[in-house]
Amino acid sequence: MKSLLRVLSYLKPYKKAVSFTLGFATLTTLLDLIPPWIIKVIIDELVDGKETSLIYWIVVGLIGVYFLRNFLNYQRIMFNNRVEQDVVFDMRSNVYKALNQLSINFFENRSTGELMSRINDDVNYVERIFIDGVEQVVTAVLTLTGITVILFYLHWKLALVALLPIPLLIWGACIYTKKAHNLYHTVRESAAKMNSRLQDSISGIREIFTFNRQLYEISRFEKKSREYCNSNLEVMSLWAIYSPAMMFLGSLGTALILLYGTGLIHAEEITIGSLVAFIGYLALFYTPINQLHSVNHMLQHALASGERVFEIIDRQPDVKEVPNAILPSTNMQGEIEFQEVTFAYTKDKPVIKNLSLKIPSGNKIALVGHTGSGKSTLIKLLLRFYDIDSGKITIDEHNVKNLKISYLREQIGMVSQDPYLFNGSVAENILYGNVEANQEQMRKAAIAAHADDFVKGLPREYDTRIGERGVKLSGGEKHRIAIARTLLKDPPILILDEATASVDTETELKIKEALTSLMARRTTILIAHRLSTLEGSDRILVIKSGKLVESGTHSQMINNETEYAQLFRSQMHL
């Protein structure tokens, strides 16, 4: 129930609106109690043969009560929906903010679809508590209290008979709650797996078409979808037993009242109008009980979803900012040093082993080595995507652990082998490097990146939407947009992850020209997969099994039996 209390805490900023909602709900509930009593008066007046002209005024009053009740109900719904949407907005924002504060490790161990399921589906299920749950509970309790008082006022013995099924209803609710909670956890997990499968297949639709695996993917999705349906069926089967059983037990109260009440009329202990009113109130009495059963059903779903939502909100990042972290007033110069750095993704399996290296400010250095040697890991450690296990990483003699994380990452720009572009316009993607830049600055960055020429040929130039991951652009065009984005960021430290890979010769020349502008006066780390791209490097660092094994220029190492020479010859087929 801790999740429920936390969900309810989101109502605090909206106390006024909540008060109006509950106030209208209370008034609506009180007005619901009037019609059965008016009907009692009408019947008794007719049976006794008294003055009937009064009945017309009573009927007019009844119509007035119905109108006022429904008008107040309209007001209640409006206030309730407004509060509900505000709360859902707050909760979804909190989950998304929490996600953005977590470390890369969290995302690398979870699928995008599973996380989307938590932000969208799970928050929506928690939302149901606000649409129907809280309000239904309040109105149900008020209705039950008011009707109980009236029933005992009409005839206390008859009221006791009407309440006989209540212990059985409570017992059934307890059993259902215990069984349903675990089942709803299974439902939410299977929904997340289905969403994950769907997201993965849509993202890889080109590969699916290329390998002609549509039927295979349909089969995989249907398997997850069937698991989700089956888990829902388990819950629905439980509800199918529980709901009718509770309705039947509630109906027993009406049957007992008819049986006992008829005898009371014969004994002239109550009037016919009183029995009709009693039955009317009893119908109202069991309606909120059934509502509470529905709320319980909904609550179990919401609690399971709430636990998944709060798991993200409560999770602490693996990489934390130290108290009083340093925020320098100017940009870094870009001198980088790794001092005896050791790091492992999993315990006792170090990827980087006691590595030390120094990169002077403004230098262009290249990291080379076989796949899995640790080159990309060094970049992740520099960006503090992960924290090192031992040693120290410094920039301009500042330990990166002591710097504001936001400041550290503003100092570093990266152009990767497969740059990620967002599903927006060309301008939006370039401006991502500096969201405060103006159109002129954005265009200058595009010109420097040799992107302006091809952008002008697009249907709407810089306002052209480029599709998910920039699917409407060629590989070379995506790289030049990514370079323009990094130029606009203007970082003192630059990381290039083979930015000219997989493009034709003419495009490669344009990208190299753009990179020349980008690398000017910056400390540059080039992760080289193709050693032919290392021209112009001040120094080449050879990484092998997480260790720095060689360092020097191309001319120094190529003519000796070095690790670098072997790598170079194997690629050049010499």
Foldseek 3Di string as FASTA:
>chain_A
DVLLVVLVVLCVVVVVLVVLLLVLLLLLLVLLLPVLVLLLVQVVCVVVVHDCVVNVVSVVVNVVSVVSSVVSVVVNLVSLVVSLVVSLVVLLVLLVVLVVQAFPVVDVVDFPLLSVLLSPVLSVLLSVCSNQNPSLVSSLVSLLVVLLVVLVVLPVVLSVLLCVLVVVLVVLLVVLLVVLLVLLLQLSVLSSVLSRLVVVCVVCVVVCVVVVPPVVSVVVNVVSVVSNVVSVVVNVVSVVVSLVVSVVSSVVSLVSLVVVVVVCVVVVVHDPSSSSSNSVSSVSNVVSSSSVSVSSSSVSNSVSSSVVSVVSSPDDHQQDADPPFDDDPDAFQFKKWWALFWADPDPPQIQAGGAIDIFDRLAEEEEEEDPSLCPVVVVCCQLPSDDTPDTFMDGVNHTCSRHDSVSSVLQEAEQAQQDFAAQFFLQVRLCVLPVPDDPVLLLVLLVLLVQQVVLVVDPVRRRDGQGGRSVNDDLLNSRSSSLSSNVSSVHQEYEYHPSLPPDDPVSSVSNVSSVVVSSGSHHYYYHDPQPVPCPPGQKYFYGGSNYGDDMGDCVVPCVDPDPVVVVNCVNVVD
